[in-house]
Structure formats: structure tokens, C-alpha cells
N, C-alpha and C. Protein backbone atom coordinates (compact mmCIF):
# COMPACT_ATOMS: atom_id res chain seq x y z
N MET A 1 0.45 -5.17 -6.43
CA MET A 1 0.51 -5.26 -4.99
C MET A 1 0.17 -6.64 -4.53
N THR A 2 1.05 -7.21 -3.67
CA THR A 2 0.80 -8.57 -3.15
C THR A 2 0.50 -8.47 -1.67
N PHE A 3 -0.57 -9.14 -1.23
CA PHE A 3 -0.94 -9.22 0.11
C PHE A 3 -0.77 -10.59 0.65
N LYS A 4 0.04 -10.76 1.68
CA LYS A 4 0.33 -12.08 2.22
C LYS A 4 -0.49 -12.25 3.43
N LEU A 5 -1.27 -13.38 3.55
CA LEU A 5 -2.02 -13.64 4.78
C LEU A 5 -1.20 -14.46 5.70
N PRO A 6 -1.45 -14.36 7.04
CA PRO A 6 -0.75 -15.22 7.95
C PRO A 6 -0.90 -16.72 7.67
N ASN A 7 -0.01 -17.50 8.09
CA ASN A 7 -0.21 -18.98 7.92
C ASN A 7 -1.05 -19.52 9.02
N ASP A 8 -2.36 -19.28 8.87
CA ASP A 8 -3.33 -19.54 9.91
C ASP A 8 -4.54 -20.21 9.26
N PRO A 9 -5.02 -21.32 9.77
CA PRO A 9 -6.12 -21.98 9.16
C PRO A 9 -7.44 -21.23 9.06
N PHE A 10 -7.57 -20.16 9.83
CA PHE A 10 -8.75 -19.30 9.86
C PHE A 10 -8.82 -18.57 8.53
N PHE A 11 -7.74 -18.36 7.81
CA PHE A 11 -7.77 -17.56 6.57
C PHE A 11 -7.88 -18.38 5.31
N ILE A 12 -8.30 -19.56 5.38
CA ILE A 12 -8.33 -20.47 4.18
C ILE A 12 -9.34 -19.91 3.16
N GLY A 13 -8.83 -19.71 1.99
CA GLY A 13 -9.73 -19.27 0.84
C GLY A 13 -9.85 -17.74 0.75
N PHE A 14 -9.29 -16.96 1.70
CA PHE A 14 -9.49 -15.52 1.69
C PHE A 14 -8.50 -14.82 0.76
N ASP A 15 -7.53 -15.54 0.20
CA ASP A 15 -6.51 -14.87 -0.67
C ASP A 15 -7.27 -14.27 -1.89
N LYS A 16 -8.25 -14.96 -2.49
CA LYS A 16 -8.96 -14.40 -3.65
C LYS A 16 -9.79 -13.13 -3.24
N PHE A 17 -10.29 -13.17 -1.97
CA PHE A 17 -11.05 -12.07 -1.48
C PHE A 17 -10.18 -10.78 -1.41
N PHE A 18 -9.00 -10.96 -0.91
CA PHE A 18 -8.07 -9.85 -0.74
C PHE A 18 -7.55 -9.33 -2.05
N GLU A 19 -7.40 -10.26 -3.05
CA GLU A 19 -6.89 -9.87 -4.38
C GLU A 19 -7.96 -9.03 -5.04
N GLY A 20 -9.22 -9.28 -4.81
CA GLY A 20 -10.25 -8.45 -5.40
C GLY A 20 -10.37 -7.10 -4.76
N MET A 21 -10.00 -6.99 -3.54
CA MET A 21 -10.00 -5.65 -2.85
C MET A 21 -9.04 -4.68 -3.48
N VAL A 22 -7.95 -5.13 -4.03
CA VAL A 22 -6.93 -4.29 -4.61
C VAL A 22 -7.45 -3.71 -5.92
N GLU A 23 -8.48 -4.27 -6.57
CA GLU A 23 -8.98 -3.83 -7.83
C GLU A 23 -10.06 -2.74 -7.69
N VAL A 24 -10.14 -2.06 -6.49
CA VAL A 24 -11.15 -1.07 -6.31
C VAL A 24 -10.92 0.08 -7.31
N PRO A 25 -11.99 0.50 -7.99
CA PRO A 25 -11.85 1.51 -9.02
C PRO A 25 -11.44 2.84 -8.42
N LYS A 26 -10.96 3.75 -9.22
CA LYS A 26 -10.50 5.11 -8.81
C LYS A 26 -11.72 5.84 -8.27
N GLU A 27 -11.54 6.57 -7.17
CA GLU A 27 -12.65 7.26 -6.51
C GLU A 27 -12.64 8.74 -6.91
N THR A 28 -13.76 9.31 -7.11
CA THR A 28 -13.93 10.72 -7.40
C THR A 28 -14.88 11.31 -6.25
N ASN A 29 -14.96 12.64 -6.29
CA ASN A 29 -15.84 13.26 -5.25
C ASN A 29 -17.22 13.63 -5.81
N TYR A 30 -17.52 13.34 -7.12
CA TYR A 30 -18.78 13.74 -7.68
C TYR A 30 -19.46 12.48 -8.26
N PRO A 31 -20.71 12.34 -8.08
CA PRO A 31 -21.52 13.09 -7.08
C PRO A 31 -21.41 12.56 -5.65
N PRO A 32 -21.73 13.36 -4.69
CA PRO A 32 -21.65 12.87 -3.34
C PRO A 32 -22.61 11.74 -3.08
N TYR A 33 -22.25 10.87 -2.10
CA TYR A 33 -23.16 9.78 -1.82
C TYR A 33 -23.08 9.41 -0.38
N ASN A 34 -24.08 8.64 0.10
CA ASN A 34 -24.18 8.10 1.48
C ASN A 34 -24.27 6.63 1.35
N ILE A 35 -23.75 5.87 2.31
CA ILE A 35 -24.01 4.49 2.41
C ILE A 35 -24.63 4.23 3.82
N ILE A 36 -25.84 3.69 3.81
CA ILE A 36 -26.59 3.55 5.07
C ILE A 36 -26.75 2.03 5.42
N LYS A 37 -26.46 1.64 6.60
CA LYS A 37 -26.63 0.26 7.04
C LYS A 37 -27.99 0.25 7.75
N VAL A 38 -28.97 -0.35 7.10
CA VAL A 38 -30.34 -0.44 7.62
C VAL A 38 -30.43 -1.53 8.66
N ARG A 39 -29.91 -2.65 8.30
CA ARG A 39 -29.87 -3.77 9.25
C ARG A 39 -28.64 -4.64 8.77
N GLU A 40 -28.41 -5.83 9.42
CA GLU A 40 -27.24 -6.64 9.09
C GLU A 40 -27.23 -7.09 7.65
N ASP A 41 -28.41 -7.31 7.06
CA ASP A 41 -28.42 -7.83 5.66
C ASP A 41 -28.95 -6.83 4.63
N ARG A 42 -29.00 -5.52 4.93
CA ARG A 42 -29.48 -4.49 4.06
C ARG A 42 -28.74 -3.21 4.15
N HIS A 43 -28.29 -2.71 3.01
CA HIS A 43 -27.62 -1.39 2.91
C HIS A 43 -28.32 -0.60 1.83
N ILE A 44 -28.25 0.73 1.98
CA ILE A 44 -28.76 1.64 0.92
C ILE A 44 -27.70 2.58 0.53
N ILE A 45 -27.46 2.72 -0.77
CA ILE A 45 -26.56 3.77 -1.26
C ILE A 45 -27.39 4.87 -1.82
N GLU A 46 -27.28 6.10 -1.26
CA GLU A 46 -27.87 7.28 -1.75
C GLU A 46 -26.88 8.17 -2.50
N ILE A 47 -27.32 8.60 -3.68
CA ILE A 47 -26.47 9.44 -4.51
C ILE A 47 -27.21 10.70 -4.84
N ALA A 48 -26.55 11.86 -4.58
CA ALA A 48 -27.20 13.14 -4.98
C ALA A 48 -26.98 13.41 -6.40
N VAL A 49 -28.15 13.41 -7.14
CA VAL A 49 -28.21 13.56 -8.55
C VAL A 49 -29.19 14.67 -8.95
N ALA A 50 -29.01 15.79 -8.29
CA ALA A 50 -29.86 17.01 -8.60
C ALA A 50 -29.67 17.39 -10.02
N GLY A 51 -30.78 17.61 -10.70
CA GLY A 51 -30.77 18.06 -12.07
C GLY A 51 -30.60 17.00 -13.11
N ILE A 52 -30.57 15.70 -12.76
CA ILE A 52 -30.40 14.62 -13.63
C ILE A 52 -31.67 13.79 -13.60
N ASN A 53 -32.25 13.47 -14.77
CA ASN A 53 -33.44 12.64 -14.89
C ASN A 53 -33.15 11.20 -14.74
N GLU A 54 -34.20 10.43 -14.39
CA GLU A 54 -34.04 8.96 -14.28
C GLU A 54 -33.61 8.32 -15.59
N LYS A 55 -34.06 8.84 -16.73
CA LYS A 55 -33.71 8.27 -18.00
C LYS A 55 -32.23 8.51 -18.36
N ASP A 56 -31.63 9.41 -17.67
CA ASP A 56 -30.19 9.70 -17.95
C ASP A 56 -29.22 8.91 -17.01
N ILE A 57 -29.77 7.98 -16.21
CA ILE A 57 -28.96 7.23 -15.26
C ILE A 57 -29.06 5.68 -15.60
N ASN A 58 -27.89 5.07 -15.62
CA ASN A 58 -27.73 3.70 -15.89
C ASN A 58 -27.11 2.94 -14.73
N ILE A 59 -27.80 1.87 -14.22
CA ILE A 59 -27.27 1.14 -13.10
C ILE A 59 -27.03 -0.33 -13.53
N VAL A 60 -25.81 -0.81 -13.31
CA VAL A 60 -25.44 -2.11 -13.84
C VAL A 60 -24.74 -2.88 -12.66
N LEU A 61 -25.06 -4.11 -12.46
CA LEU A 61 -24.33 -5.01 -11.54
C LEU A 61 -23.73 -6.17 -12.37
N GLU A 62 -22.38 -6.15 -12.43
CA GLU A 62 -21.73 -7.16 -13.25
C GLU A 62 -20.41 -7.57 -12.55
N ASN A 63 -20.32 -8.93 -12.41
CA ASN A 63 -19.12 -9.51 -11.79
C ASN A 63 -18.91 -8.93 -10.37
N GLY A 64 -19.91 -8.66 -9.59
CA GLY A 64 -19.73 -8.17 -8.26
C GLY A 64 -19.43 -6.69 -8.20
N VAL A 65 -19.49 -5.93 -9.32
CA VAL A 65 -19.20 -4.53 -9.31
C VAL A 65 -20.52 -3.74 -9.70
N LEU A 66 -20.93 -2.87 -8.82
CA LEU A 66 -22.12 -2.09 -9.07
C LEU A 66 -21.60 -0.81 -9.68
N THR A 67 -22.15 -0.42 -10.85
CA THR A 67 -21.75 0.75 -11.61
C THR A 67 -22.95 1.63 -11.76
N VAL A 68 -22.85 2.90 -11.34
CA VAL A 68 -23.93 3.88 -11.59
C VAL A 68 -23.33 4.92 -12.43
N GLU A 69 -23.95 5.21 -13.61
CA GLU A 69 -23.45 6.12 -14.54
C GLU A 69 -24.53 7.09 -14.96
N GLY A 70 -24.22 8.40 -14.95
CA GLY A 70 -25.17 9.41 -15.35
C GLY A 70 -24.64 10.30 -16.46
N LYS A 71 -25.46 10.45 -17.50
CA LYS A 71 -25.11 11.34 -18.58
C LYS A 71 -26.30 12.27 -18.82
N PRO A 72 -26.29 13.45 -18.21
CA PRO A 72 -27.44 14.39 -18.32
C PRO A 72 -27.60 14.83 -19.78
N SER A 73 -28.92 14.86 -20.17
CA SER A 73 -29.24 15.26 -21.54
C SER A 73 -29.39 16.76 -21.67
N GLY A 74 -29.57 17.52 -20.56
CA GLY A 74 -29.67 18.96 -20.59
C GLY A 74 -28.89 19.58 -19.40
N SER A 75 -28.80 20.87 -19.35
CA SER A 75 -28.01 21.45 -18.27
C SER A 75 -28.87 22.09 -17.28
N GLY A 76 -30.13 22.17 -17.46
CA GLY A 76 -31.08 22.79 -16.44
C GLY A 76 -32.43 23.01 -17.01
N LEU A 77 -33.38 23.25 -16.05
CA LEU A 77 -34.74 23.51 -16.48
C LEU A 77 -34.93 24.82 -17.27
N TYR A 78 -34.18 25.79 -16.98
CA TYR A 78 -34.33 27.11 -17.55
C TYR A 78 -33.16 27.55 -18.45
N GLU A 79 -32.43 26.58 -19.01
CA GLU A 79 -31.28 26.97 -19.80
C GLU A 79 -31.62 27.77 -21.05
N ASN A 80 -32.84 27.55 -21.55
CA ASN A 80 -33.25 28.32 -22.75
C ASN A 80 -33.93 29.63 -22.41
N GLU A 81 -34.17 29.93 -21.11
CA GLU A 81 -34.90 31.14 -20.69
C GLU A 81 -33.96 32.33 -20.50
N GLY A 82 -32.61 32.11 -20.43
CA GLY A 82 -31.67 33.26 -20.15
C GLY A 82 -30.36 32.70 -19.88
N SER A 83 -29.49 33.52 -19.34
CA SER A 83 -28.16 33.08 -18.95
C SER A 83 -28.02 33.10 -17.45
N TYR A 84 -27.24 32.09 -16.96
CA TYR A 84 -27.00 31.91 -15.53
C TYR A 84 -26.17 33.04 -15.00
N LEU A 85 -26.55 33.65 -13.90
CA LEU A 85 -25.62 34.57 -13.20
C LEU A 85 -24.75 33.81 -12.25
N HIS A 86 -25.25 32.70 -11.73
CA HIS A 86 -24.50 31.81 -10.88
C HIS A 86 -25.02 30.40 -11.09
N LYS A 87 -24.13 29.45 -11.32
CA LYS A 87 -24.54 28.07 -11.52
C LYS A 87 -23.75 27.16 -10.54
N GLY A 88 -24.38 26.92 -9.44
CA GLY A 88 -23.76 26.12 -8.35
C GLY A 88 -24.22 24.68 -8.32
N ILE A 89 -25.19 24.33 -9.11
CA ILE A 89 -25.73 22.97 -9.21
C ILE A 89 -25.04 22.28 -10.39
N SER A 90 -24.20 21.30 -10.17
CA SER A 90 -23.47 20.69 -11.24
C SER A 90 -24.41 19.64 -11.95
N THR A 91 -24.42 19.58 -13.19
CA THR A 91 -25.16 18.54 -13.93
C THR A 91 -24.20 17.88 -14.96
N ARG A 92 -23.05 17.53 -14.45
CA ARG A 92 -22.09 16.87 -15.36
C ARG A 92 -22.26 15.29 -15.30
N SER A 93 -21.61 14.70 -16.30
CA SER A 93 -21.61 13.24 -16.43
C SER A 93 -20.75 12.71 -15.22
N PHE A 94 -21.18 11.45 -14.77
CA PHE A 94 -20.40 10.79 -13.74
C PHE A 94 -20.49 9.28 -13.92
N LYS A 95 -19.54 8.60 -13.22
CA LYS A 95 -19.50 7.16 -13.13
C LYS A 95 -18.99 6.86 -11.76
N ARG A 96 -19.78 6.09 -10.94
CA ARG A 96 -19.38 5.63 -9.64
C ARG A 96 -19.45 4.15 -9.63
N GLN A 97 -18.43 3.46 -9.00
CA GLN A 97 -18.45 2.04 -8.85
C GLN A 97 -18.15 1.61 -7.41
N TRP A 98 -18.81 0.50 -7.06
CA TRP A 98 -18.54 -0.17 -5.74
C TRP A 98 -18.46 -1.64 -5.97
N LYS A 99 -17.41 -2.24 -5.33
CA LYS A 99 -17.25 -3.67 -5.35
C LYS A 99 -18.08 -4.27 -4.20
N LEU A 100 -19.05 -5.06 -4.57
CA LEU A 100 -19.92 -5.66 -3.57
C LEU A 100 -19.46 -7.05 -3.08
N ALA A 101 -19.81 -7.29 -1.84
CA ALA A 101 -19.44 -8.64 -1.30
C ALA A 101 -20.30 -9.74 -2.01
N GLU A 102 -19.76 -10.94 -1.99
CA GLU A 102 -20.50 -12.06 -2.60
C GLU A 102 -21.89 -12.19 -1.93
N HIS A 103 -22.90 -12.52 -2.69
CA HIS A 103 -24.21 -12.71 -2.29
C HIS A 103 -25.04 -11.42 -2.10
N ASN A 104 -24.50 -10.27 -2.45
CA ASN A 104 -25.23 -9.00 -2.42
C ASN A 104 -25.99 -8.93 -3.67
N ILE A 105 -27.24 -8.53 -3.61
CA ILE A 105 -28.08 -8.32 -4.71
C ILE A 105 -28.71 -6.89 -4.73
N VAL A 106 -29.00 -6.38 -5.84
CA VAL A 106 -29.71 -5.07 -5.89
C VAL A 106 -31.22 -5.33 -5.75
N ARG A 107 -31.80 -4.90 -4.71
CA ARG A 107 -33.23 -5.21 -4.52
C ARG A 107 -34.06 -4.19 -5.30
N LYS A 108 -33.74 -2.91 -5.31
CA LYS A 108 -34.52 -1.99 -6.12
C LYS A 108 -33.73 -0.66 -6.11
N ALA A 109 -34.10 0.24 -7.03
CA ALA A 109 -33.61 1.61 -7.12
C ALA A 109 -34.74 2.50 -7.30
N THR A 110 -34.66 3.66 -6.56
CA THR A 110 -35.74 4.62 -6.65
C THR A 110 -35.05 6.04 -6.70
N MET A 111 -35.87 7.05 -7.11
CA MET A 111 -35.36 8.37 -7.16
C MET A 111 -36.43 9.34 -6.58
N SER A 112 -35.99 10.18 -5.66
CA SER A 112 -36.92 11.10 -5.00
C SER A 112 -36.16 12.31 -4.51
N ASP A 113 -36.71 13.47 -4.71
CA ASP A 113 -36.04 14.71 -4.20
C ASP A 113 -34.60 14.85 -4.54
N GLY A 114 -34.20 14.48 -5.75
CA GLY A 114 -32.81 14.64 -6.16
C GLY A 114 -31.82 13.60 -5.61
N LEU A 115 -32.39 12.56 -4.98
CA LEU A 115 -31.55 11.47 -4.44
C LEU A 115 -31.90 10.14 -5.14
N LEU A 116 -30.91 9.47 -5.62
CA LEU A 116 -31.07 8.14 -6.23
C LEU A 116 -30.68 7.18 -5.09
N SER A 117 -31.64 6.21 -4.77
CA SER A 117 -31.45 5.30 -3.68
C SER A 117 -31.43 3.89 -4.25
N ILE A 118 -30.35 3.16 -3.87
CA ILE A 118 -30.22 1.81 -4.39
C ILE A 118 -30.17 0.89 -3.15
N VAL A 119 -31.13 -0.02 -3.08
CA VAL A 119 -31.21 -0.94 -1.91
C VAL A 119 -30.48 -2.24 -2.23
N LEU A 120 -29.58 -2.57 -1.38
CA LEU A 120 -28.75 -3.85 -1.52
C LEU A 120 -29.09 -4.74 -0.42
N ASP A 121 -29.36 -5.98 -0.78
CA ASP A 121 -29.65 -7.01 0.25
C ASP A 121 -28.53 -8.11 0.15
N TYR A 122 -28.19 -8.62 1.30
CA TYR A 122 -27.28 -9.72 1.41
C TYR A 122 -28.08 -10.94 1.56
N VAL A 123 -28.04 -11.82 0.52
CA VAL A 123 -28.86 -13.01 0.52
C VAL A 123 -27.96 -14.25 0.31
N VAL A 124 -27.90 -15.10 1.36
CA VAL A 124 -27.03 -16.27 1.28
C VAL A 124 -27.92 -17.40 0.69
N PRO A 125 -27.44 -18.07 -0.40
CA PRO A 125 -28.21 -19.14 -0.96
C PRO A 125 -28.33 -20.29 0.04
N GLU A 126 -29.36 -21.09 -0.10
CA GLU A 126 -29.60 -22.23 0.83
C GLU A 126 -28.38 -23.20 0.86
N ASP A 127 -27.75 -23.43 -0.31
CA ASP A 127 -26.66 -24.36 -0.31
C ASP A 127 -25.37 -23.81 0.31
N LYS A 128 -25.42 -22.54 0.67
CA LYS A 128 -24.23 -21.85 1.34
C LYS A 128 -24.49 -21.66 2.84
N LYS A 129 -25.63 -21.89 3.25
CA LYS A 129 -26.03 -21.72 4.72
C LYS A 129 -25.40 -22.84 5.53
N PRO A 130 -25.09 -22.54 6.79
CA PRO A 130 -24.59 -23.62 7.69
C PRO A 130 -25.47 -24.82 7.83
N VAL A 131 -24.93 -26.01 7.89
CA VAL A 131 -25.72 -27.21 8.09
C VAL A 131 -25.25 -27.88 9.37
N THR A 132 -26.12 -28.23 10.25
CA THR A 132 -25.87 -28.99 11.45
C THR A 132 -25.80 -30.48 11.15
N ILE A 133 -24.65 -31.06 11.47
CA ILE A 133 -24.47 -32.54 11.24
C ILE A 133 -24.72 -33.29 12.55
N GLN A 134 -25.65 -34.18 12.48
CA GLN A 134 -25.98 -34.96 13.64
C GLN A 134 -25.00 -36.14 13.81
N ILE A 135 -24.63 -36.50 14.96
CA ILE A 135 -23.74 -37.66 15.22
C ILE A 135 -24.64 -38.87 15.59
N GLY A 136 -24.44 -39.92 14.94
CA GLY A 136 -25.30 -41.09 15.28
C GLY A 136 -25.31 -42.17 14.14
N ASP A 137 -26.23 -43.12 14.36
CA ASP A 137 -26.36 -44.24 13.39
C ASP A 137 -27.34 -43.96 12.27
N ASN A 138 -27.85 -42.74 12.16
CA ASN A 138 -28.82 -42.43 11.13
C ASN A 138 -28.14 -42.18 9.83
N CYS A 139 -28.25 -43.17 8.88
CA CYS A 139 -27.61 -43.05 7.60
C CYS A 139 -28.70 -42.67 6.61
N SER A 140 -28.46 -41.60 5.86
CA SER A 140 -29.48 -41.11 4.89
C SER A 140 -29.05 -41.30 3.47
N CYS A 141 -28.09 -42.29 3.17
CA CYS A 141 -27.62 -42.39 1.84
C CYS A 141 -28.27 -43.63 1.11
N ASP A 142 -29.22 -44.25 1.69
CA ASP A 142 -29.96 -45.41 1.07
C ASP A 142 -29.03 -46.50 0.61
N GLY A 143 -27.99 -46.82 1.34
CA GLY A 143 -27.13 -47.96 1.03
C GLY A 143 -26.08 -47.63 0.04
N ASP A 144 -25.97 -46.42 -0.53
CA ASP A 144 -24.98 -46.08 -1.53
C ASP A 144 -23.64 -45.68 -0.91
N CYS A 145 -23.49 -45.76 0.36
CA CYS A 145 -22.21 -45.36 1.00
C CYS A 145 -21.81 -46.39 1.97
N ALA A 146 -20.71 -46.12 2.71
CA ALA A 146 -20.16 -47.14 3.66
C ALA A 146 -20.68 -46.80 5.09
N CYS A 147 -21.90 -46.41 5.29
CA CYS A 147 -22.43 -46.15 6.58
C CYS A 147 -22.45 -47.32 7.48
């Protein structure tokens, strides 16, 4: 799929950004999740992982893609005690992926009450932050330029 941007100077360099959007992994419905915007530079992904232990979950951030994978080691707390008459809590393996924007980092991951929470922060490096350029005779290049 090819996406053509308008011939507008505002869109300089965004072609690579839109190409990456096309590579979004296939979405499934399991396990359910929430994405919460806490503030402008922080988001939290909550994933319902009832019946799955922390040791059975793997979280990896690689090349801007956050992958959360769960492979449960057992099917329930009471699986050896008898047979289920109804089993409505799924404990199957899963793999969820999200493509993150540039400069997003995973701050921490916690698990509580059957919810896995992953805190994402948007951190712009100092060399990428806007710089105000002063107009005037103040040359700061120590004679190495044509000021």
C-alpha cells in the first residue's frame, strides 16, 4: 500500500512515519486492554491477564514496537482438585503488539488484581528539543566560522 502526501512543505520527512504505520501487526481481541492518557507525555497500557503469573509474561521493546507475550504455565489454581463445570476465565497464550511513536520509553511495568500495567513516557532528547536562535552580532564559534 502506497500513501502519497500532499506536495506541502509542512509534511517534510513524514513519508517514513506513514510507511511505518502500514506495518501495524494483526490485531486480536485477547486479552482485552485499555490505553489511558494520563497527561500529554504519559500513557498507560492496561492488559487483563487474569490467571497468568508475572513469570509467564514477557515484555520487549524493540525497534519502536512494544510486544507483550504471555504463555501460562498452568490452567488454574484448582486444576488438580477436580473438573471444571464452567470455565469462563481464559488462560491461553497471547501476543499483543503496539507500534510506539519515536521517543517513547517504557518507564515501568506492574501487575495488580489481574491487570498488567505498562507506563510509557514520551521523552524528547535535549538535542531534539527546539532551540531559540538569537539575531545579532553575538558569534559563539570562536573565530572558526565566517561570523
